[in-house]
Structure formats: structure tokens, C-alpha cells
N, C-alpha and C. Protein backbone atom coordinates (compact mmCIF):
# COMPACT_ATOMS: atom_id res chain seq x y z
N MET A 1 -1.50 11.42 14.27
CA MET A 1 -0.95 11.85 13.01
C MET A 1 -0.21 10.67 12.35
N ALA A 2 -0.45 10.46 11.07
CA ALA A 2 0.16 9.35 10.35
C ALA A 2 1.63 9.63 10.06
N ARG A 3 2.42 8.60 10.13
CA ARG A 3 3.84 8.72 9.78
C ARG A 3 4.01 8.37 8.32
N HIS A 4 4.87 9.09 7.66
CA HIS A 4 5.13 8.85 6.25
C HIS A 4 6.58 8.45 6.06
N ASN A 5 6.79 7.51 5.16
CA ASN A 5 8.13 7.08 4.85
C ASN A 5 8.73 8.06 3.85
N LEU A 6 9.67 8.87 4.30
CA LEU A 6 10.27 9.88 3.44
C LEU A 6 11.13 9.27 2.34
N ASP A 7 11.55 8.04 2.50
CA ASP A 7 12.39 7.38 1.51
C ASP A 7 11.58 6.42 0.64
N SER A 8 10.29 6.57 0.59
CA SER A 8 9.44 5.67 -0.18
C SER A 8 9.80 5.70 -1.66
N THR A 9 9.74 4.55 -2.28
CA THR A 9 9.98 4.45 -3.72
C THR A 9 8.76 3.86 -4.42
N GLU A 10 7.62 3.87 -3.74
CA GLU A 10 6.40 3.27 -4.30
C GLU A 10 6.00 3.90 -5.63
N LEU A 11 6.06 5.22 -5.72
CA LEU A 11 5.66 5.91 -6.95
C LEU A 11 6.63 5.56 -8.09
N GLU A 12 7.90 5.60 -7.81
CA GLU A 12 8.90 5.27 -8.83
C GLU A 12 8.71 3.83 -9.32
N GLN A 13 8.47 2.91 -8.41
CA GLN A 13 8.26 1.51 -8.78
C GLN A 13 7.01 1.35 -9.63
N ALA A 14 5.94 2.05 -9.28
CA ALA A 14 4.69 1.96 -10.05
C ALA A 14 4.90 2.44 -11.48
N VAL A 15 5.66 3.53 -11.63
CA VAL A 15 5.92 4.07 -12.97
C VAL A 15 6.81 3.11 -13.75
N LEU A 16 7.87 2.63 -13.12
CA LEU A 16 8.79 1.71 -13.81
C LEU A 16 8.11 0.41 -14.24
N LEU A 17 7.20 -0.09 -13.40
CA LEU A 17 6.51 -1.34 -13.71
C LEU A 17 5.32 -1.14 -14.64
N GLY A 18 5.01 0.10 -14.96
CA GLY A 18 3.90 0.39 -15.86
C GLY A 18 2.54 0.08 -15.27
N GLN A 19 2.43 0.19 -13.94
CA GLN A 19 1.15 -0.07 -13.29
C GLN A 19 0.10 0.95 -13.75
N ALA A 20 -1.09 0.48 -13.96
CA ALA A 20 -2.18 1.38 -14.33
C ALA A 20 -2.43 2.35 -13.18
N PRO A 21 -2.51 3.65 -13.47
CA PRO A 21 -2.73 4.62 -12.40
C PRO A 21 -4.12 4.49 -11.78
N LEU A 22 -4.21 4.73 -10.48
CA LEU A 22 -5.48 4.76 -9.78
C LEU A 22 -6.11 6.14 -9.89
N PHE A 23 -5.25 7.16 -10.03
CA PHE A 23 -5.67 8.55 -10.17
C PHE A 23 -4.98 9.14 -11.39
N HIS A 24 -5.68 10.02 -12.10
CA HIS A 24 -5.12 10.61 -13.31
C HIS A 24 -3.94 11.51 -12.93
N PRO A 25 -2.77 11.33 -13.56
CA PRO A 25 -1.59 12.09 -13.18
C PRO A 25 -1.64 13.58 -13.53
N ASN A 26 -2.57 14.00 -14.37
CA ASN A 26 -2.67 15.41 -14.73
C ASN A 26 -3.86 16.11 -14.09
N THR A 27 -4.85 15.36 -13.62
CA THR A 27 -6.03 15.99 -13.02
C THR A 27 -6.27 15.55 -11.59
N GLY A 28 -5.73 14.42 -11.18
CA GLY A 28 -5.96 13.89 -9.85
C GLY A 28 -7.28 13.18 -9.72
N GLN A 29 -8.02 13.07 -10.81
CA GLN A 29 -9.34 12.43 -10.79
C GLN A 29 -9.21 10.94 -10.52
N ASN A 30 -10.08 10.44 -9.64
CA ASN A 30 -10.12 9.01 -9.32
C ASN A 30 -10.57 8.26 -10.57
N LEU A 31 -9.73 7.38 -11.08
CA LEU A 31 -10.04 6.70 -12.33
C LEU A 31 -11.03 5.56 -12.16
N SER A 32 -11.35 5.20 -10.92
CA SER A 32 -12.40 4.19 -10.73
C SER A 32 -13.77 4.79 -11.06
N ASP A 33 -13.83 6.13 -11.13
CA ASP A 33 -15.07 6.82 -11.49
C ASP A 33 -15.23 6.99 -13.00
N VAL A 34 -14.20 6.59 -13.76
CA VAL A 34 -14.17 6.81 -15.20
C VAL A 34 -14.07 5.47 -15.92
N ALA A 35 -14.88 5.29 -16.92
CA ALA A 35 -14.87 4.02 -17.67
C ALA A 35 -13.61 3.87 -18.50
N ASP A 36 -13.10 4.98 -19.06
CA ASP A 36 -11.93 4.94 -19.94
C ASP A 36 -11.05 6.15 -19.62
N ILE A 37 -9.76 5.92 -19.39
CA ILE A 37 -8.84 7.01 -19.03
C ILE A 37 -8.79 8.07 -20.12
N SER A 38 -9.00 7.68 -21.37
CA SER A 38 -8.96 8.66 -22.46
C SER A 38 -10.18 9.58 -22.43
N ALA A 39 -11.18 9.24 -21.63
CA ALA A 39 -12.38 10.07 -21.52
C ALA A 39 -12.17 11.26 -20.58
N VAL A 40 -11.05 11.27 -19.83
CA VAL A 40 -10.78 12.38 -18.91
C VAL A 40 -10.41 13.60 -19.74
N ASN A 41 -11.07 14.72 -19.46
CA ASN A 41 -10.85 15.95 -20.20
C ASN A 41 -9.59 16.64 -19.69
N VAL A 42 -8.53 16.66 -20.51
CA VAL A 42 -7.28 17.32 -20.16
C VAL A 42 -6.87 18.24 -21.31
N HIS A 43 -5.95 19.16 -21.03
CA HIS A 43 -5.49 20.06 -22.07
C HIS A 43 -4.63 19.31 -23.09
N PHE A 44 -4.38 19.95 -24.22
CA PHE A 44 -3.71 19.29 -25.34
C PHE A 44 -2.36 18.68 -24.97
N ALA A 45 -1.52 19.41 -24.24
CA ALA A 45 -0.19 18.90 -23.90
C ALA A 45 -0.27 17.63 -23.06
N ALA A 46 -1.20 17.59 -22.12
CA ALA A 46 -1.36 16.40 -21.29
C ALA A 46 -1.87 15.23 -22.12
N ALA A 47 -2.83 15.51 -23.02
CA ALA A 47 -3.37 14.46 -23.87
C ALA A 47 -2.30 13.88 -24.80
N ALA A 48 -1.35 14.71 -25.20
CA ALA A 48 -0.27 14.26 -26.09
C ALA A 48 0.88 13.62 -25.32
N GLY A 49 0.78 13.60 -23.98
CA GLY A 49 1.85 13.01 -23.16
C GLY A 49 3.03 13.92 -22.97
N LEU A 50 2.84 15.23 -23.19
CA LEU A 50 3.94 16.18 -23.09
C LEU A 50 3.99 16.93 -21.77
N ASP A 51 2.97 16.79 -20.94
CA ASP A 51 2.93 17.48 -19.66
C ASP A 51 3.46 16.57 -18.57
N VAL A 52 4.06 17.16 -17.54
CA VAL A 52 4.58 16.38 -16.43
C VAL A 52 3.42 15.97 -15.52
N PRO A 53 3.56 14.87 -14.78
CA PRO A 53 2.50 14.49 -13.85
C PRO A 53 2.42 15.51 -12.72
N ARG A 54 1.22 15.91 -12.38
CA ARG A 54 1.01 16.91 -11.32
C ARG A 54 0.39 16.28 -10.08
N TYR A 55 -0.19 15.09 -10.25
CA TYR A 55 -0.86 14.40 -9.14
C TYR A 55 -0.30 12.99 -9.03
N CYS A 56 -0.20 12.48 -7.82
CA CYS A 56 0.29 11.12 -7.59
C CYS A 56 -0.70 10.13 -8.18
N GLN A 57 -0.20 9.20 -8.97
CA GLN A 57 -1.08 8.21 -9.58
C GLN A 57 -1.54 7.15 -8.59
N LEU A 58 -0.96 7.13 -7.39
CA LEU A 58 -1.35 6.15 -6.38
C LEU A 58 -2.37 6.68 -5.38
N CYS A 59 -2.31 8.00 -5.09
CA CYS A 59 -3.22 8.54 -4.07
C CYS A 59 -3.98 9.79 -4.51
N GLY A 60 -3.60 10.39 -5.62
CA GLY A 60 -4.30 11.56 -6.12
C GLY A 60 -3.90 12.87 -5.48
N ARG A 61 -2.89 12.85 -4.60
CA ARG A 61 -2.44 14.09 -3.96
C ARG A 61 -1.66 14.93 -4.96
N ARG A 62 -1.75 16.24 -4.81
CA ARG A 62 -0.97 17.16 -5.63
C ARG A 62 0.50 16.98 -5.26
N MET A 63 1.36 16.90 -6.27
CA MET A 63 2.79 16.69 -6.02
C MET A 63 3.56 17.99 -6.19
N VAL A 64 4.73 18.03 -5.58
CA VAL A 64 5.67 19.12 -5.79
C VAL A 64 6.46 18.75 -7.03
N VAL A 65 6.39 19.59 -8.06
CA VAL A 65 7.00 19.28 -9.34
C VAL A 65 8.07 20.32 -9.66
N GLN A 66 9.20 19.83 -10.15
CA GLN A 66 10.25 20.73 -10.62
C GLN A 66 10.57 20.37 -12.06
N VAL A 67 10.46 21.37 -12.94
CA VAL A 67 10.78 21.18 -14.35
C VAL A 67 12.17 21.75 -14.57
N ARG A 68 13.03 20.94 -15.17
CA ARG A 68 14.41 21.33 -15.47
C ARG A 68 14.61 21.34 -16.98
N PRO A 69 15.69 21.92 -17.45
CA PRO A 69 15.97 21.87 -18.89
C PRO A 69 16.12 20.44 -19.42
N ASP A 70 16.57 19.53 -18.57
CA ASP A 70 16.80 18.15 -19.02
C ASP A 70 15.72 17.17 -18.57
N GLY A 71 14.62 17.66 -18.01
CA GLY A 71 13.55 16.76 -17.57
C GLY A 71 12.75 17.35 -16.43
N TRP A 72 12.25 16.49 -15.55
CA TRP A 72 11.43 16.92 -14.43
C TRP A 72 11.54 15.92 -13.29
N SER A 73 11.12 16.35 -12.11
CA SER A 73 10.96 15.44 -10.97
C SER A 73 9.66 15.82 -10.27
N ALA A 74 9.01 14.84 -9.70
CA ALA A 74 7.75 15.06 -9.00
C ALA A 74 7.80 14.29 -7.68
N HIS A 75 7.35 14.94 -6.60
CA HIS A 75 7.43 14.33 -5.27
C HIS A 75 6.06 14.30 -4.61
N CYS A 76 5.65 13.09 -4.22
CA CYS A 76 4.44 12.89 -3.42
C CYS A 76 4.87 12.71 -1.97
N SER A 77 4.19 13.38 -1.07
CA SER A 77 4.56 13.30 0.35
C SER A 77 4.38 11.90 0.92
N ARG A 78 3.57 11.07 0.29
CA ARG A 78 3.33 9.71 0.79
C ARG A 78 4.11 8.64 0.03
N HIS A 79 4.27 8.82 -1.28
CA HIS A 79 4.80 7.73 -2.11
C HIS A 79 6.15 7.99 -2.74
N GLY A 80 6.78 9.10 -2.40
CA GLY A 80 8.15 9.35 -2.84
C GLY A 80 8.26 10.15 -4.13
N THR A 81 9.44 10.08 -4.71
CA THR A 81 9.80 10.90 -5.86
C THR A 81 9.95 10.04 -7.10
N VAL A 82 9.56 10.62 -8.22
CA VAL A 82 9.81 10.01 -9.52
C VAL A 82 10.48 11.08 -10.37
N ASP A 83 11.48 10.66 -11.14
CA ASP A 83 12.25 11.57 -11.99
C ASP A 83 12.14 11.10 -13.42
N SER A 84 12.04 12.03 -14.34
CA SER A 84 11.91 11.67 -15.75
C SER A 84 13.11 10.89 -16.27
N SER A 85 14.24 11.00 -15.62
CA SER A 85 15.43 10.28 -16.08
C SER A 85 15.25 8.76 -16.03
N ILE A 86 14.34 8.26 -15.17
CA ILE A 86 14.13 6.81 -15.11
C ILE A 86 13.38 6.32 -16.34
N LEU A 87 12.71 7.21 -17.04
CA LEU A 87 11.96 6.82 -18.22
C LEU A 87 12.86 6.66 -19.44
N ASP A 88 14.09 7.16 -19.35
CA ASP A 88 15.05 7.06 -20.44
C ASP A 88 15.81 5.75 -20.44
N ARG A 89 15.66 4.98 -19.39
CA ARG A 89 16.44 3.74 -19.26
C ARG A 89 15.99 2.68 -20.20
């Protein structure tokens, strides 16, 4: 069984650095299979950037997401947690 670093900040760092996602954050689709990220069929809110990420952009796993009145947080079991508050900096 693989060990996971529960204190990983890989996902947060990828978001902060603006790294291109490997997997679509709203569908989990592997983006290496898609010529253009805008070609991925998503609902209107996701296309407008108003939906929270539901899948880890590094591994494509479904994340545990909590939506709050002041933002959201999303947790990947492998790559850690990202919170919308870091995007306000």
C-alpha cells in the first residue's frame, strides 16, 4: 500500500504558480487527450470560472470539496489542500 504525505502542499503550489493542469479541474479528464482545454465540454458555471475545482489538477482524483459563504477548500488525498483564500493574495 502506498504512503501518502498528509501535509503535502503540491496542489496549492501548482495553483499558486499557475502551472497548467494535467487533468481538468471540473471533469477530471486527462488533458493530454485534448488538443485545447477550452474544447472540454463543461457546464456554464465551470466554463465561466465560477465553479469550484472538483478534481485534482495533478492526478485527476475526485477531491473532497467544502463550499463556504466566503469561499471554498478542496482536498486531494495525494496532493493536499487548496483554499480559495490563496487566490485573493
